[in-house]
Amino acid sequence: KDVAERPQQALQDEMSDVRRLIDELDEELVALLAKRQRQIERAARVKPALGSPANVPERVDEVLAHVLGVARREGLSVEVAMNLWRALIDWSIQYEERLMGDRAPKGDSQTSSDGGASS
């Protein structure tokens, strides 16, 4: 039966279910992003002792390659994954640099056009 042919109440019930599940998934995503942020905070404590800057371009490439592979495997749009992770990585580098403050090693700390990643 075509969706348009289903009773209005059934469609409203289904839409309510979709919205409820999206809200639950958003909560899970926020919890996972908070866990990731805590790892950025750990990296910001360790990197100065290693003489490592927040932005490590090789790591950026690694993170993006890994995420794109997982996106393909899971059926997530590669475009969505790339856009989200580039924004997440750029934010992570900036956050790490703020946390490191004057303990941050001098070096390449460009964040946007070259892709920048954290940890």
C-alpha atoms as a PDB file:
ATOM      1  CA  LYS A   1       0.000   0.000   0.000  1.00  0.00           C
ATOM      2  CA  ASP A   2       1.374   3.414  -0.993  1.00  0.00           C
ATOM      3  CA  VAL A   3       2.117   5.774   1.932  1.00  0.00           C
ATOM      4  CA  ALA A   4      -0.315   8.368   0.554  1.00  0.00           C
ATOM      5  CA  GLU A   5      -3.138   5.798   0.704  1.00  0.00           C
ATOM      6  CA  ARG A   6      -2.701   5.076   4.423  1.00  0.00           C
ATOM      7  CA  PRO A   7      -5.138   6.568   6.936  1.00  0.00           C
ATOM      8  CA  GLN A   8      -4.177  10.010   8.252  1.00  0.00           C
ATOM      9  CA  GLN A   9      -3.961   8.778  11.860  1.00  0.00           C
ATOM     10  CA  ALA A  10      -1.568   5.982  10.891  1.00  0.00           C
ATOM     11  CA  LEU A  11       0.667   8.513   9.141  1.00  0.00           C
ATOM     12  CA  GLN A  12       0.572  10.861  12.149  1.00  0.00           C
ATOM     13  CA  ASP A  13       1.442   7.958  14.469  1.00  0.00           C
ATOM     14  CA  GLU A  14       4.340   6.953  12.252  1.00  0.00           C
ATOM     15  CA  MET A  15       5.600  10.545  12.104  1.00  0.00           C
ATOM     16  CA  SER A  16       5.445  10.758  15.904  1.00  0.00           C
ATOM     17  CA  ASP A  17       7.476   7.550  16.105  1.00  0.00           C
ATOM     18  CA  VAL A  18      10.051   8.901  13.636  1.00  0.00           C
ATOM     19  CA  ARG A  19      10.424  12.102  15.666  1.00  0.00           C
ATOM     20  CA  ARG A  20      10.750  10.202  18.946  1.00  0.00           C
ATOM     21  CA  LEU A  21      13.480   8.001  17.495  1.00  0.00           C
ATOM     22  CA  ILE A  22      15.325  10.999  16.031  1.00  0.00           C
ATOM     23  CA  ASP A  23      15.260  12.671  19.467  1.00  0.00           C
ATOM     24  CA  GLU A  24      16.687   9.502  21.056  1.00  0.00           C
ATOM     25  CA  LEU A  25      19.407   9.282  18.403  1.00  0.00           C
ATOM     26  CA  ASP A  26      20.284  12.959  18.902  1.00  0.00           C
ATOM     27  CA  GLU A  27      20.764  12.281  22.618  1.00  0.00           C
ATOM     28  CA  GLU A  28      23.084   9.370  21.817  1.00  0.00           C
ATOM     29  CA  LEU A  29      25.035  11.500  19.332  1.00  0.00           C
ATOM     30  CA  VAL A  30      25.474  14.312  21.870  1.00  0.00           C
ATOM     31  CA  ALA A  31      26.682  11.805  24.488  1.00  0.00           C
ATOM     32  CA  LEU A  32      29.211  10.380  22.006  1.00  0.00           C
ATOM     33  CA  LEU A  33      30.420  13.840  20.989  1.00  0.00           C
ATOM     34  CA  ALA A  34      30.891  14.704  24.676  1.00  0.00           C
ATOM     35  CA  LYS A  35      33.054  11.575  25.058  1.00  0.00           C
ATOM     36  CA  ARG A  36      35.073  12.646  22.009  1.00  0.00           C
ATOM     37  CA  GLN A  37      35.500  16.128  23.482  1.00  0.00           C
ATOM     38  CA  ARG A  38      36.947  14.618  26.669  1.00  0.00           C
ATOM     39  CA  GLN A  39      39.573  12.863  24.540  1.00  0.00           C
ATOM     40  CA  ILE A  40      40.448  16.204  22.911  1.00  0.00           C
ATOM     41  CA  GLU A  41      40.934  17.556  26.441  1.00  0.00           C
ATOM     42  CA  ARG A  42      43.287  14.652  27.232  1.00  0.00           C
ATOM     43  CA  ALA A  43      45.232  15.284  24.041  1.00  0.00           C
ATOM     44  CA  ALA A  44      45.613  18.955  25.001  1.00  0.00           C
ATOM     45  CA  ARG A  45      47.250  17.877  28.267  1.00  0.00           C
ATOM     46  CA  VAL A  46      49.624  15.381  26.614  1.00  0.00           C
ATOM     47  CA  LYS A  47      50.656  17.128  23.393  1.00  0.00           C
ATOM     48  CA  PRO A  48      52.698  19.966  24.950  1.00  0.00           C
ATOM     49  CA  ALA A  49      54.903  17.400  26.737  1.00  0.00           C
ATOM     50  CA  LEU A  50      55.434  15.664  23.392  1.00  0.00           C
ATOM     51  CA  GLY A  51      56.176  18.943  21.632  1.00  0.00           C
ATOM     52  CA  SER A  52      53.218  18.249  19.363  1.00  0.00           C
ATOM     53  CA  PRO A  53      50.969  21.035  18.023  1.00  0.00           C
ATOM     54  CA  ALA A  54      47.189  20.786  18.092  1.00  0.00           C
ATOM     55  CA  ASN A  55      47.088  20.550  14.306  1.00  0.00           C
ATOM     56  CA  VAL A  56      48.822  17.446  12.994  1.00  0.00           C
ATOM     57  CA  PRO A  57      47.948  17.280   9.262  1.00  0.00           C
ATOM     58  CA  GLU A  58      48.865  13.584   8.966  1.00  0.00           C
ATOM     59  CA  ARG A  59      46.411  12.802  11.758  1.00  0.00           C
ATOM     60  CA  VAL A  60      43.736  14.902  10.043  1.00  0.00           C
ATOM     61  CA  ASP A  61      44.130  12.755   6.940  1.00  0.00           C
ATOM     62  CA  GLU A  62      43.996   9.579   9.041  1.00  0.00           C
ATOM     63  CA  VAL A  63      40.822  10.648  10.855  1.00  0.00           C
ATOM     64  CA  LEU A  64      39.042  11.652   7.644  1.00  0.00           C
ATOM     65  CA  ALA A  65      40.049   8.462   5.812  1.00  0.00           C
ATOM     66  CA  HIS A  66      38.847   6.349   8.727  1.00  0.00           C
ATOM     67  CA  VAL A  67      35.539   8.199   9.047  1.00  0.00           C
ATOM     68  CA  LEU A  68      34.866   8.067   5.304  1.00  0.00           C
ATOM     69  CA  GLY A  69      35.510   4.331   5.310  1.00  0.00           C
ATOM     70  CA  VAL A  70      33.060   3.852   8.172  1.00  0.00           C
ATOM     71  CA  ALA A  71      30.531   6.133   6.449  1.00  0.00           C
ATOM     72  CA  ARG A  72      30.701   4.030   3.283  1.00  0.00           C
ATOM     73  CA  ARG A  73      30.391   0.803   5.272  1.00  0.00           C
ATOM     74  CA  GLU A  74      27.373   2.126   7.230  1.00  0.00           C
ATOM     75  CA  GLY A  75      25.617   3.710   4.243  1.00  0.00           C
ATOM     76  CA  LEU A  76      26.057   7.302   5.443  1.00  0.00           C
ATOM     77  CA  SER A  77      26.435   9.950   2.756  1.00  0.00           C
ATOM     78  CA  VAL A  78      30.165  10.553   2.290  1.00  0.00           C
ATOM     79  CA  GLU A  79      29.366  14.224   1.710  1.00  0.00           C
ATOM     80  CA  VAL A  80      27.590  14.467   5.073  1.00  0.00           C
ATOM     81  CA  ALA A  81      30.420  12.642   6.852  1.00  0.00           C
ATOM     82  CA  MET A  82      33.097  14.834   5.250  1.00  0.00           C
ATOM     83  CA  ASN A  83      31.272  18.081   6.066  1.00  0.00           C
ATOM     84  CA  LEU A  84      30.514  17.083   9.654  1.00  0.00           C
ATOM     85  CA  TRP A  85      34.001  15.801  10.404  1.00  0.00           C
ATOM     86  CA  ARG A  86      35.782  18.738   8.808  1.00  0.00           C
ATOM     87  CA  ALA A  87      33.758  21.054  11.061  1.00  0.00           C
ATOM     88  CA  LEU A  88      34.347  18.795  14.078  1.00  0.00           C
ATOM     89  CA  ILE A  89      38.082  18.599  13.392  1.00  0.00           C
ATOM     90  CA  ASP A  90      38.419  22.358  12.883  1.00  0.00           C
ATOM     91  CA  TRP A  91      36.568  23.009  16.142  1.00  0.00           C
ATOM     92  CA  SER A  92      38.650  20.370  17.936  1.00  0.00           C
ATOM     93  CA  ILE A  93      41.930  21.975  16.883  1.00  0.00           C
ATOM     94  CA  GLN A  94      40.777  25.414  17.977  1.00  0.00           C
ATOM     95  CA  TYR A  95      39.551  24.013  21.306  1.00  0.00           C
ATOM     96  CA  GLU A  96      42.805  22.118  21.835  1.00  0.00           C
ATOM     97  CA  GLU A  97      44.827  25.257  21.082  1.00  0.00           C
ATOM     98  CA  ARG A  98      42.772  27.233  23.630  1.00  0.00           C
ATOM     99  CA  LEU A  99      43.300  24.530  26.261  1.00  0.00           C
ATOM    100  CA  MET A 100      47.029  24.325  25.530  1.00  0.00           C
ATOM    101  CA  GLY A 101      47.409  28.117  25.679  1.00  0.00           C
ATOM    102  CA  ASP A 102      51.019  29.194  25.897  1.00  0.00           C
ATOM    103  CA  ARG A 103      52.093  25.554  26.385  1.00  0.00           C
ATOM    104  CA  ALA A 104      51.211  24.924  22.722  1.00  0.00           C
ATOM    105  CA  PRO A 105      54.307  24.156  20.650  1.00  0.00           C
ATOM    106  CA  LYS A 106      54.951  26.689  17.940  1.00  0.00           C
ATOM    107  CA  GLY A 107      54.372  25.250  14.528  1.00  0.00           C
ATOM    108  CA  ASP A 108      51.682  24.739  11.942  1.00  0.00           C
ATOM    109  CA  SER A 109      48.413  25.640  13.606  1.00  0.00           C
ATOM    110  CA  GLN A 110      46.353  26.510  10.545  1.00  0.00           C
ATOM    111  CA  THR A 111      42.913  25.033  10.913  1.00  0.00           C
ATOM    112  CA  SER A 112      40.543  25.609   8.061  1.00  0.00           C
ATOM    113  CA  SER A 113      41.737  25.286   4.504  1.00  0.00           C
ATOM    114  CA  ASP A 114      44.313  22.582   5.181  1.00  0.00           C
ATOM    115  CA  GLY A 115      41.839  20.436   7.052  1.00  0.00           C
ATOM    116  CA  GLY A 116      43.359  20.317  10.589  1.00  0.00           C
ATOM    117  CA  ALA A 117      42.520  17.486  13.013  1.00  0.00           C
ATOM    118  CA  SER A 118      42.891  16.812  16.606  1.00  0.00           C
ATOM    119  CA  SER A 119      44.561  14.003  18.552  1.00  0.00           C
END
